[in-house]
Amino acid sequence: MYKYTLGIDGMACGACEAHVKNKLIRRLKCKKVKASHIKNNVVIFSEEIYKEEDFKKILDPTGYIVTSYQCDLAQKKLFGWK
């Protein structure tokens, strides 16, 4: 399982978070997606390998800009993935 952390510019409210989450869930094979307009980021858990360009192709047309990209191996914890 991989954990992707993306910095996102352009999210201002909960509706923006929902819009970003829906776009990613529809286009990618994700187990879990968490978006935060407060932290300006999105955390994605997936078994697939994705590059930064894959996320940019999905989000750039919507007006949200990917400002950073980080991929780590996710660790299984007692109450979910971390």
C-alpha atoms as a PDB file:
ATOM      1  CA  MET A   1       0.000   0.000   0.000  1.00  0.00           C
ATOM      2  CA  TYR A   2       1.282   3.457  -0.905  1.00  0.00           C
ATOM      3  CA  LYS A   3       0.575   6.774   0.796  1.00  0.00           C
ATOM      4  CA  TYR A   4       0.632   9.829  -1.454  1.00  0.00           C
ATOM      5  CA  THR A   5       0.683  13.286   0.086  1.00  0.00           C
ATOM      6  CA  LEU A   6      -0.070  16.108  -2.323  1.00  0.00           C
ATOM      7  CA  GLY A   7       0.140  19.808  -1.615  1.00  0.00           C
ATOM      8  CA  ILE A   8      -2.862  21.462  -3.263  1.00  0.00           C
ATOM      9  CA  ASP A   9      -3.346  25.158  -3.961  1.00  0.00           C
ATOM     10  CA  GLY A  10      -6.850  26.506  -4.535  1.00  0.00           C
ATOM     11  CA  MET A  11      -8.964  24.717  -1.921  1.00  0.00           C
ATOM     12  CA  ALA A  12     -10.909  27.204   0.226  1.00  0.00           C
ATOM     13  CA  CYS A  13     -13.748  25.248   1.849  1.00  0.00           C
ATOM     14  CA  GLY A  14     -15.307  21.858   2.491  1.00  0.00           C
ATOM     15  CA  ALA A  15     -16.945  21.857  -0.933  1.00  0.00           C
ATOM     16  CA  CYS A  16     -13.507  22.242  -2.523  1.00  0.00           C
ATOM     17  CA  GLU A  17     -12.286  19.269  -0.492  1.00  0.00           C
ATOM     18  CA  ALA A  18     -15.229  17.174  -1.703  1.00  0.00           C
ATOM     19  CA  HIS A  19     -14.625  18.205  -5.321  1.00  0.00           C
ATOM     20  CA  VAL A  20     -10.952  17.184  -5.171  1.00  0.00           C
ATOM     21  CA  LYS A  21     -11.777  13.894  -3.428  1.00  0.00           C
ATOM     22  CA  ASN A  22     -14.472  13.004  -5.973  1.00  0.00           C
ATOM     23  CA  LYS A  23     -12.195  13.720  -8.948  1.00  0.00           C
ATOM     24  CA  LEU A  24      -9.438  11.510  -7.533  1.00  0.00           C
ATOM     25  CA  ILE A  25     -11.752   8.676  -6.494  1.00  0.00           C
ATOM     26  CA  ARG A  26     -13.398   8.562  -9.934  1.00  0.00           C
ATOM     27  CA  ARG A  27     -10.138   8.505 -11.884  1.00  0.00           C
ATOM     28  CA  LEU A  28      -7.809   6.472  -9.641  1.00  0.00           C
ATOM     29  CA  LYS A  29      -7.970   3.187  -7.775  1.00  0.00           C
ATOM     30  CA  CYS A  30      -7.895   4.600  -4.235  1.00  0.00           C
ATOM     31  CA  LYS A  31      -8.581   2.861  -0.959  1.00  0.00           C
ATOM     32  CA  LYS A  32      -8.933   6.123   0.954  1.00  0.00           C
ATOM     33  CA  VAL A  33      -8.683   9.856   0.194  1.00  0.00           C
ATOM     34  CA  LYS A  34      -8.488  12.627   2.814  1.00  0.00           C
ATOM     35  CA  ALA A  35      -8.495  16.272   1.715  1.00  0.00           C
ATOM     36  CA  SER A  36      -7.949  19.318   3.937  1.00  0.00           C
ATOM     37  CA  HIS A  37      -8.360  22.923   2.858  1.00  0.00           C
ATOM     38  CA  ILE A  38      -6.826  23.991   6.199  1.00  0.00           C
ATOM     39  CA  LYS A  39      -3.580  22.056   5.553  1.00  0.00           C
ATOM     40  CA  ASN A  40      -3.795  22.567   1.761  1.00  0.00           C
ATOM     41  CA  ASN A  41      -3.146  18.903   1.120  1.00  0.00           C
ATOM     42  CA  VAL A  42      -4.640  15.599   0.050  1.00  0.00           C
ATOM     43  CA  VAL A  43      -3.584  12.205   1.411  1.00  0.00           C
ATOM     44  CA  ILE A  44      -4.304   9.220  -0.826  1.00  0.00           C
ATOM     45  CA  PHE A  45      -3.928   5.540   0.050  1.00  0.00           C
ATOM     46  CA  SER A  46      -3.685   3.208  -2.927  1.00  0.00           C
ATOM     47  CA  GLU A  47      -2.192  -0.110  -3.950  1.00  0.00           C
ATOM     48  CA  GLU A  48      -1.312   1.349  -7.357  1.00  0.00           C
ATOM     49  CA  ILE A  49       1.842   3.281  -8.227  1.00  0.00           C
ATOM     50  CA  TYR A  50       1.204   6.818  -9.481  1.00  0.00           C
ATOM     51  CA  LYS A  51       3.495   9.623 -10.565  1.00  0.00           C
ATOM     52  CA  GLU A  52       3.082  13.323  -9.873  1.00  0.00           C
ATOM     53  CA  GLU A  53       2.017  13.862 -13.494  1.00  0.00           C
ATOM     54  CA  ASP A  54      -0.943  11.503 -13.010  1.00  0.00           C
ATOM     55  CA  PHE A  55      -2.342  13.705 -10.256  1.00  0.00           C
ATOM     56  CA  LYS A  56      -1.645  16.893 -12.196  1.00  0.00           C
ATOM     57  CA  LYS A  57      -3.556  15.578 -15.243  1.00  0.00           C
ATOM     58  CA  ILE A  58      -6.615  15.056 -13.060  1.00  0.00           C
ATOM     59  CA  LEU A  59      -6.544  18.207 -10.924  1.00  0.00           C
ATOM     60  CA  ASP A  60      -5.069  20.939 -13.166  1.00  0.00           C
ATOM     61  CA  PRO A  61      -8.191  21.190 -15.399  1.00  0.00           C
ATOM     62  CA  THR A  62     -10.335  21.755 -12.293  1.00  0.00           C
ATOM     63  CA  GLY A  63      -8.288  24.772 -11.170  1.00  0.00           C
ATOM     64  CA  TYR A  64      -6.573  23.071  -8.231  1.00  0.00           C
ATOM     65  CA  ILE A  65      -2.786  23.086  -8.524  1.00  0.00           C
ATOM     66  CA  VAL A  66      -0.523  20.312  -7.248  1.00  0.00           C
ATOM     67  CA  THR A  67       2.295  22.138  -5.438  1.00  0.00           C
ATOM     68  CA  SER A  68       4.107  19.171  -3.886  1.00  0.00           C
ATOM     69  CA  TYR A  69       4.228  15.390  -4.186  1.00  0.00           C
ATOM     70  CA  GLN A  70       5.421  12.737  -1.768  1.00  0.00           C
ATOM     71  CA  CYS A  71       5.098   8.958  -1.978  1.00  0.00           C
ATOM     72  CA  ASP A  72       5.741   6.667   0.995  1.00  0.00           C
ATOM     73  CA  LEU A  73       4.921   3.117   1.952  1.00  0.00           C
ATOM     74  CA  ALA A  74       1.825   3.093   4.155  1.00  0.00           C
ATOM     75  CA  GLN A  75       1.974   1.270   7.458  1.00  0.00           C
ATOM     76  CA  LYS A  76      -0.930  -0.773   8.790  1.00  0.00           C
ATOM     77  CA  LYS A  77      -1.864   0.454  12.265  1.00  0.00           C
ATOM     78  CA  LEU A  78      -4.460  -0.744  14.751  1.00  0.00           C
ATOM     79  CA  PHE A  79      -7.211   1.583  13.454  1.00  0.00           C
ATOM     80  CA  GLY A  80      -6.285   1.856   9.771  1.00  0.00           C
ATOM     81  CA  TRP A  81      -3.454   2.946   7.528  1.00  0.00           C
ATOM     82  CA  LYS A  82      -0.922   5.618   8.505  1.00  0.00           C
END
